[in-house]
């Protein structure tokens, strides 16, 4: 409670201090030292079409501060007040920039995947794709009650480390390379391992854009249950080797976007565990009259696939599924930009090629309708 109150006070104080500011021109860009407050709230209602069960949920409740500290340095701090019921620091970094070069140190997104990096301010779908939700998961096992219990965790899209990014002025090419702890967010553990990520992007942000990425490292330290020669069970500490490959292709015009992404993850735990996921998605923005209640209407669709996706079922056991999923819907925007304030109505249809044991009791893979309201600033 004290931690939450302290962080909230810091954010409010920074907002108040931002009322006084100075400006200067640097490399033909006007830089303001006034902090910028940003954030988002996503509240939704979901109902399963399998058995009629439903729930209300606040998926994100985020607030952050970003700005310039000097002509060549900028910073960002972002907090999530509803991260599975807990408060957590998402971003806390400083960036040096000059020309096409950026060097960022601190807790940040490691930039492996565009879809994985998307937060509530940039995603148009109420529920994450298979790639975004499951790609970075890993599993540990412990001895529990005389048997083996499994736990699912995720390295997420953020880590503590340093990331170098460079954009060429002569050509629409950007590359990035980073080194990270691999011990997870808000956890600066000492370790002999280092996780490396690299990515190359081709093409402008608007128009045809492609990317290739690779990630190589270890998951945070965990445990696994082992069976001794005398058939007794015990838990040992270990780091799992994790490797990921990804490819992206997108085309963005003034009022519409279509993009596709594919990635695979190889996890070394009691043998090789391979996960593959991909999708194609897009939307079209229909602008309305200034006098209309909605400033735009955006029909959207996504087809995504997941192969050999493991998860912890309702009984606490490790299970897996393979599926295709179709998502269609329409977003109604109350502002003139995509994802300012939106009302979303979306439908998901699952096509399972391997059905998990707890399907009838678990809404995870059941067809559903989602109604969501998003406010970002």
Protein backbone atom coordinates (compact mmCIF):
# COMPACT_ATOMS: atom_id res chain seq x y z
CA UNK A 1 0.00 0.00 0.00
CA UNK A 2 2.82 2.39 0.88
CA UNK A 3 4.56 1.60 -2.39
CA UNK A 4 1.43 2.32 -4.39
CA UNK A 5 0.82 5.60 -2.60
CA UNK A 6 4.43 6.69 -3.06
CA UNK A 7 4.47 5.98 -6.79
CA UNK A 8 1.16 7.77 -7.28
CA UNK A 9 2.49 10.83 -5.44
CA UNK A 10 5.61 10.87 -7.63
CA UNK A 11 3.52 10.82 -10.81
CA UNK A 12 1.25 13.63 -9.57
CA UNK A 13 4.22 15.74 -8.47
CA UNK A 14 5.90 15.35 -11.85
CA UNK A 15 2.68 16.42 -13.55
CA UNK A 16 2.51 19.52 -11.36
CA UNK A 17 6.15 20.40 -11.96
CA UNK A 18 5.54 20.08 -15.68
CA UNK A 19 3.46 23.28 -15.67
CA UNK A 20 6.67 25.28 -15.80
CA UNK A 21 8.86 24.42 -18.78
CA UNK A 22 11.44 25.65 -21.21
CA UNK A 23 11.96 25.04 -24.89
CA UNK A 24 14.94 25.02 -27.20
CA UNK A 25 15.68 24.00 -30.77
CA UNK A 26 17.94 21.01 -31.35
CA UNK A 27 18.70 19.53 -34.78
CA UNK A 28 15.69 21.35 -36.25
CA UNK A 29 13.38 19.87 -33.57
CA UNK A 30 11.78 21.96 -30.85
CA UNK A 31 12.38 20.23 -27.53
CA UNK A 32 10.16 20.94 -24.54
CA UNK A 33 11.27 20.00 -21.04
CA UNK A 34 7.70 19.82 -19.86
CA UNK A 35 6.87 16.21 -18.86
CA UNK A 36 4.16 14.52 -20.91
CA UNK A 37 1.62 12.43 -19.01
CA UNK A 38 0.22 9.40 -20.86
CA UNK A 39 -1.77 6.32 -20.03
CA UNK A 40 -4.71 4.09 -20.82
CA UNK A 41 -7.63 2.26 -19.23
CA UNK A 42 -9.26 -0.80 -20.81
CA UNK A 43 -12.47 -2.11 -19.25
CA UNK A 44 -14.44 -4.91 -20.87
CA UNK A 45 -17.29 -7.39 -20.59
CA UNK A 46 -16.86 -10.92 -21.97
CA UNK A 47 -19.40 -13.67 -22.43
CA UNK A 48 -18.81 -17.28 -23.49
CA UNK A 49 -21.08 -18.60 -26.23
CA UNK A 50 -20.45 -22.15 -25.02
CA UNK A 51 -22.21 -22.02 -21.65
CA UNK A 52 -23.20 -18.38 -21.15
CA UNK A 53 -20.66 -17.64 -18.42
CA UNK A 54 -19.40 -14.05 -18.33
CA UNK A 55 -17.16 -11.60 -16.51
CA UNK A 56 -16.19 -7.96 -16.24
CA UNK A 57 -12.47 -7.25 -16.45
CA UNK A 58 -10.05 -4.31 -16.36
CA UNK A 59 -7.25 -5.46 -18.64
CA UNK A 60 -5.03 -2.37 -18.31
CA UNK A 61 -4.83 0.61 -16.01
CA UNK A 62 -1.61 2.41 -16.88
CA UNK A 63 -0.07 5.80 -16.36
CA UNK A 64 3.33 7.15 -17.30
CA UNK A 65 5.54 10.19 -17.69
CA UNK A 66 7.97 10.86 -20.54
CA UNK A 67 9.94 13.78 -21.84
CA UNK A 68 13.35 15.31 -22.50
CA UNK A 69 15.96 15.72 -19.77
CA UNK A 70 18.49 17.57 -21.99
CA UNK A 71 19.03 18.16 -25.73
CA UNK A 72 20.25 14.57 -26.28
CA UNK A 73 18.52 12.65 -23.49
CA UNK A 74 14.92 11.57 -23.01
CA UNK A 75 13.26 9.39 -20.40
CA UNK A 76 10.11 7.40 -19.68
CA UNK A 77 8.46 5.91 -16.61
CA UNK A 78 5.30 3.81 -16.87
CA UNK A 79 3.32 2.03 -14.15
CA UNK A 80 0.54 -0.55 -14.45
CA UNK A 81 -1.95 -0.33 -11.58
CA UNK A 82 -3.80 -3.51 -12.62
CA UNK A 83 -1.26 -6.15 -13.63
CA UNK A 84 -3.14 -9.32 -12.62
CA UNK A 85 -4.26 -7.49 -9.50
CA UNK A 86 -0.80 -6.13 -8.66
CA UNK A 87 1.00 -2.83 -9.14
CA UNK A 88 4.15 -3.06 -11.27
CA UNK A 89 6.68 -0.78 -12.93
CA UNK A 90 6.69 -1.38 -16.70
CA UNK A 91 9.13 1.18 -18.12
CA UNK A 92 11.93 3.04 -16.42
CA UNK A 93 14.68 4.08 -18.82
CA UNK A 94 16.86 6.85 -20.22
CA UNK A 95 17.64 7.23 -23.93
CA UNK A 96 20.55 9.01 -25.57
CA UNK A 97 19.80 10.07 -29.15
CA UNK A 98 21.76 11.80 -31.88
CA UNK A 99 20.82 11.75 -35.54
CA UNK A 100 19.69 8.22 -36.36
CA UNK A 101 21.26 6.69 -33.24
CA UNK A 102 19.39 5.78 -30.05
CA UNK A 103 20.90 4.03 -27.01
CA UNK A 104 18.48 3.13 -24.21
CA UNK A 105 19.41 1.75 -20.80
CA UNK A 106 16.99 0.63 -18.09
CA UNK A 107 13.79 -1.42 -18.00
CA UNK A 108 12.25 -1.36 -21.47
CA UNK A 109 10.75 -3.34 -24.32
CA UNK A 110 13.45 -5.34 -26.07
CA UNK A 111 11.78 -4.85 -29.49
CA UNK A 112 11.56 -8.44 -30.73
CA UNK A 113 8.01 -8.27 -32.09
CA UNK A 114 5.67 -5.43 -33.03
CA UNK A 115 2.58 -7.31 -31.88
CA UNK A 116 4.24 -8.40 -28.64
CA UNK A 117 5.21 -4.78 -27.89
CA UNK A 118 1.73 -3.38 -28.38
CA UNK A 119 0.11 -1.82 -25.34
CA UNK A 120 -3.43 -0.49 -24.87
CA UNK A 121 -2.51 2.72 -26.75
CA UNK A 122 -1.67 0.88 -29.98
CA UNK A 123 -3.69 -2.34 -30.19
CA UNK A 124 -7.06 -2.46 -31.95
CA UNK A 125 -8.16 -5.90 -30.69
CA UNK A 126 -9.70 -6.54 -27.29
CA UNK A 127 -7.85 -9.83 -26.80
CA UNK A 128 -4.22 -10.49 -27.63
CA UNK A 129 -3.15 -12.73 -30.49
CA UNK A 130 -1.79 -16.22 -29.77
CA UNK A 131 1.66 -14.89 -30.62
CA UNK A 132 1.44 -12.00 -28.19
CA UNK A 133 -0.07 -14.03 -25.36
CA UNK A 134 1.91 -17.27 -25.49
CA UNK A 135 5.17 -16.81 -27.40
CA UNK A 136 7.30 -15.81 -24.40
CA UNK A 137 5.86 -18.31 -21.91
CA UNK A 138 7.99 -20.85 -20.09
CA UNK A 139 7.25 -23.46 -17.44
CA UNK A 140 8.69 -24.75 -14.20
CA UNK A 141 7.82 -27.80 -12.14
CA UNK A 142 8.07 -28.52 -8.42
CA UNK A 143 7.40 -31.37 -6.05
CA UNK A 144 4.01 -30.77 -4.48
CA UNK A 145 1.97 -33.13 -2.32
CA UNK A 146 4.04 -36.11 -3.38
CA UNK A 147 3.47 -35.30 -7.07
CA UNK A 148 4.68 -32.83 -9.67
CA UNK A 149 3.09 -29.37 -9.96
CA UNK A 150 3.61 -27.00 -12.89
CA UNK A 151 3.75 -23.21 -13.04
CA UNK A 152 3.50 -20.98 -16.11
CA UNK A 153 5.48 -17.74 -16.35
CA UNK A 154 6.51 -15.35 -19.11
CA UNK A 155 9.60 -13.34 -19.98
CA UNK A 156 7.12 -10.79 -21.36
CA UNK A 157 8.10 -8.02 -23.76
CA UNK A 158 10.29 -6.11 -21.27
CA UNK A 159 13.57 -6.66 -19.48
CA UNK A 160 16.39 -4.79 -17.77
CA UNK A 161 19.25 -4.01 -20.13
CA UNK A 162 20.60 -1.84 -22.93
CA UNK A 163 19.29 -1.47 -26.49
CA UNK A 164 21.02 0.23 -29.42
CA UNK A 165 18.92 1.28 -32.40
CA UNK A 166 20.10 2.98 -35.60
CA UNK A 167 18.12 4.35 -38.53
CA UNK A 168 19.94 5.13 -41.78
CA UNK A 169 19.11 8.49 -43.30
CA UNK A 170 19.95 7.43 -46.84
CA UNK A 171 17.68 4.38 -46.86
CA UNK A 172 14.56 3.19 -44.98
CA UNK A 173 16.53 0.69 -42.89
CA UNK A 174 16.74 0.36 -39.11
CA UNK A 175 18.53 -2.21 -37.02
CA UNK A 176 18.61 -2.84 -33.28
CA UNK A 177 20.69 -4.99 -30.96
CA UNK A 178 20.29 -5.37 -27.22
CA UNK A 179 21.71 -7.15 -24.18
CA UNK A 180 19.45 -7.93 -21.21
CA UNK A 181 19.59 -9.60 -17.81
CA UNK A 182 17.03 -12.27 -18.63
CA UNK A 183 15.89 -12.30 -15.00
CA UNK A 184 12.59 -10.54 -15.67
CA UNK A 185 11.18 -7.10 -14.96
CA UNK A 186 11.77 -5.44 -11.58
CA UNK A 187 14.31 -8.17 -10.78
CA UNK A 188 17.97 -7.09 -11.21
CA UNK A 189 19.54 -10.45 -10.29
CA UNK A 190 23.26 -11.20 -10.66
CA UNK A 191 23.80 -13.93 -13.25
CA UNK A 192 26.39 -15.41 -15.59
CA UNK A 193 23.90 -15.46 -18.48
CA UNK A 194 23.05 -12.63 -20.84
CA UNK A 195 20.14 -12.50 -23.29
CA UNK A 196 20.74 -11.06 -26.77
CA UNK A 197 18.12 -9.73 -29.19
CA UNK A 198 18.62 -8.42 -32.73
CA UNK A 199 16.22 -7.03 -35.31
CA UNK A 200 16.39 -5.45 -38.76
CA UNK A 201 13.53 -3.45 -40.27
CA UNK A 202 13.09 -2.46 -43.91
CA UNK A 203 10.74 0.15 -45.33
CA UNK A 204 9.03 3.28 -44.03
CA UNK A 205 6.49 3.29 -41.19
CA UNK A 206 3.75 4.19 -43.71
CA UNK A 207 3.69 1.94 -46.75
CA UNK A 208 5.34 -1.45 -47.08
CA UNK A 209 7.34 -2.46 -44.00
CA UNK A 210 9.10 -5.71 -43.07
CA UNK A 211 11.24 -7.03 -40.24
CA UNK A 212 13.28 -10.04 -39.12
CA UNK A 213 14.20 -10.69 -35.48
CA UNK A 214 16.08 -13.20 -33.32
CA UNK A 215 16.26 -13.71 -29.54
CA UNK A 216 18.75 -15.95 -27.75
CA UNK A 217 19.14 -16.40 -24.01
CA UNK A 218 17.78 -18.01 -20.86
CA UNK A 219 14.59 -17.70 -18.84
CA UNK A 220 14.73 -16.46 -15.23
CA UNK A 221 16.00 -19.02 -12.73
CA UNK A 222 13.37 -21.61 -11.89
CA UNK A 223 12.98 -25.14 -10.67
CA UNK A 224 12.17 -28.50 -12.16
CA UNK A 225 11.14 -31.77 -10.59
CA UNK A 226 13.48 -34.72 -11.15
CA UNK A 227 13.11 -38.42 -10.40
CA UNK A 228 16.09 -40.08 -8.73
CA UNK A 229 17.21 -43.67 -9.30
CA UNK A 230 15.25 -44.75 -6.23
CA UNK A 231 12.09 -43.12 -7.72
CA UNK A 232 12.07 -40.28 -5.18
CA UNK A 233 11.14 -36.79 -6.33
CA UNK A 234 13.15 -33.64 -5.73
CA UNK A 235 13.35 -30.08 -7.12
CA UNK A 236 16.52 -28.60 -8.62
CA UNK A 237 17.21 -25.00 -9.73
CA UNK A 238 18.01 -24.36 -13.38
CA UNK A 239 17.84 -21.85 -16.27
CA UNK A 240 16.07 -22.87 -19.45
CA UNK A 241 17.55 -22.00 -22.82
CA UNK A 242 15.10 -19.96 -24.91
CA UNK A 243 15.44 -18.98 -28.56
CA UNK A 244 12.93 -17.13 -30.73
CA UNK A 245 12.73 -16.22 -34.42
CA UNK A 246 10.25 -13.78 -35.93
CA UNK A 247 9.23 -12.24 -39.28
CA UNK A 248 6.82 -9.39 -40.03
CA UNK A 249 5.28 -7.74 -43.09
CA UNK A 250 2.78 -4.88 -43.12
CA UNK A 251 1.28 -2.23 -45.36
CA UNK A 252 -0.18 0.99 -43.97
CA UNK A 253 -2.14 3.60 -45.91
CA UNK A 254 -4.04 6.66 -44.71
CA UNK A 255 -7.19 4.86 -43.53
CA UNK A 256 -6.28 1.18 -43.46
CA UNK A 257 -3.61 -1.25 -42.35
CA UNK A 258 -2.95 -4.92 -43.05
CA UNK A 259 -0.14 -6.87 -41.40
CA UNK A 260 1.08 -10.39 -40.85
CA UNK A 261 3.54 -11.82 -38.36
CA UNK A 262 5.01 -15.26 -37.63
CA UNK A 263 7.24 -16.40 -34.77
CA UNK A 264 8.49 -19.55 -33.14
CA UNK A 265 9.95 -20.25 -29.73
CA UNK A 266 12.29 -23.10 -28.82
CA UNK A 267 12.46 -23.88 -25.12
CA UNK A 268 14.94 -26.37 -23.69
CA UNK A 269 13.18 -28.14 -20.79
CA UNK A 270 13.21 -31.94 -20.58
CA UNK A 271 13.81 -31.97 -24.31
CA UNK A 272 12.96 -29.42 -26.99
CA UNK A 273 9.58 -27.69 -26.69
CA UNK A 274 8.62 -25.91 -29.91
CA UNK A 275 5.82 -23.34 -30.12
CA UNK A 276 4.70 -21.64 -33.34
CA UNK A 277 2.23 -18.79 -33.75
CA UNK A 278 1.24 -16.35 -36.46
CA UNK A 279 -1.57 -14.14 -37.70
CA UNK A 280 -2.82 -11.81 -40.39
CA UNK A 281 -4.93 -8.84 -39.31
CA UNK A 282 -6.16 -5.47 -40.48
CA UNK A 283 -8.69 -2.68 -40.16
CA UNK A 284 -10.28 0.04 -42.25
CA UNK A 285 -11.16 3.44 -40.80
CA UNK A 286 -14.39 5.00 -42.08
CA UNK A 287 -14.49 8.67 -41.15
CA UNK A 288 -17.85 10.17 -40.24
CA UNK A 289 -19.21 13.71 -40.21
CA UNK A 290 -18.00 16.17 -37.57
CA UNK A 291 -21.51 16.29 -36.09
CA UNK A 292 -21.71 12.51 -35.58
CA UNK A 293 -21.45 10.89 -32.16
CA UNK A 294 -18.64 8.70 -33.49
CA UNK A 295 -15.78 10.34 -35.36
CA UNK A 296 -14.88 7.10 -37.12
CA UNK A 297 -16.00 3.49 -37.49
CA UNK A 298 -13.33 0.81 -37.97
CA UNK A 299 -14.30 -2.70 -39.14
CA UNK A 300 -11.51 -5.15 -38.35
CA UNK A 301 -10.52 -8.77 -38.65
CA UNK A 302 -7.81 -11.19 -37.60
CA UNK A 303 -6.98 -14.81 -38.36
CA UNK A 304 -4.37 -16.29 -36.07
CA UNK A 305 -2.94 -19.75 -35.53
CA UNK A 306 -1.18 -21.43 -32.65
CA UNK A 307 0.58 -24.80 -32.72
CA UNK A 308 1.56 -26.80 -29.61
CA UNK A 309 0.72 -23.99 -27.21
CA UNK A 310 1.15 -25.13 -23.62
CA UNK A 311 -0.78 -23.70 -20.67
CA UNK A 312 -1.79 -24.55 -17.10
CA UNK A 313 -5.35 -25.91 -17.10
CA UNK A 314 -8.12 -25.49 -14.51
CA UNK A 315 -6.74 -28.46 -12.53
CA UNK A 316 -3.22 -26.99 -12.34
CA UNK A 317 -1.85 -29.47 -14.88
CA UNK A 318 0.30 -28.72 -17.92
CA UNK A 319 -1.74 -29.18 -21.10
CA UNK A 320 -1.57 -27.90 -24.66
CA UNK A 321 -3.75 -26.97 -27.62
CA UNK A 322 -3.45 -26.26 -31.32
CA UNK A 323 -6.01 -23.96 -32.91
CA UNK A 324 -7.03 -21.44 -35.53
CA UNK A 325 -9.07 -18.43 -34.45
CA UNK A 326 -11.13 -15.89 -36.37
CA UNK A 327 -11.81 -12.50 -34.80
CA UNK A 328 -14.16 -9.97 -36.40
CA UNK A 329 -15.67 -6.81 -35.05
CA UNK A 330 -16.08 -3.09 -35.27
CA UNK A 331 -14.56 -0.26 -33.21
CA UNK A 332 -16.40 3.04 -32.76
CA UNK A 333 -14.07 5.98 -32.15
CA UNK A 334 -15.06 9.09 -30.21
CA UNK A 335 -11.98 11.05 -31.40
CA UNK A 336 -10.43 11.68 -34.78
CA UNK A 337 -7.47 9.37 -34.24
CA UNK A 338 -7.26 5.61 -33.97
CA UNK A 339 -7.30 4.44 -30.33
CA UNK A 340 -8.14 7.61 -28.49
CA UNK A 341 -11.47 6.66 -26.94
CA UNK A 342 -13.17 3.63 -28.45
CA UNK A 343 -16.15 1.36 -27.99
CA UNK A 344 -15.32 -2.12 -29.29
CA UNK A 345 -17.62 -5.02 -30.13
CA UNK A 346 -15.75 -8.15 -31.21
CA UNK A 347 -16.51 -11.84 -31.80
CA UNK A 348 -14.04 -14.75 -31.58
CA UNK A 349 -14.53 -18.16 -33.19
CA UNK A 350 -12.09 -21.01 -32.37
CA UNK A 351 -11.23 -23.96 -34.60
CA UNK A 352 -9.42 -26.51 -32.42
CA UNK A 353 -7.21 -29.22 -33.90
CA UNK A 354 -6.23 -30.43 -30.44
CA UNK A 355 -8.74 -29.87 -27.64
CA UNK A 356 -7.44 -29.58 -24.06
CA UNK A 357 -8.88 -31.73 -21.25
CA UNK A 358 -10.69 -28.89 -19.46
CA UNK A 359 -12.32 -27.30 -22.52
CA UNK A 360 -15.89 -27.56 -21.16
CA UNK A 361 -14.92 -25.83 -17.88
CA UNK A 362 -12.41 -23.29 -19.16
CA UNK A 363 -13.62 -20.28 -21.22
CA UNK A 364 -10.07 -19.77 -22.56
CA UNK A 365 -10.77 -21.43 -25.93
CA UNK A 366 -14.54 -21.06 -26.10
CA UNK A 367 -16.23 -18.81 -28.65
CA UNK A 368 -16.96 -15.46 -27.06
CA UNK A 369 -18.21 -11.92 -27.54
CA UNK A 370 -16.32 -9.01 -26.02
CA UNK A 371 -17.57 -5.47 -25.43
CA UNK A 372 -14.79 -3.11 -24.42
CA UNK A 373 -14.25 0.57 -23.75
CA UNK A 374 -10.74 2.02 -24.14
CA UNK A 375 -9.59 5.48 -23.09
CA UNK A 376 -6.00 6.43 -23.87
CA UNK A 377 -4.25 9.75 -23.38
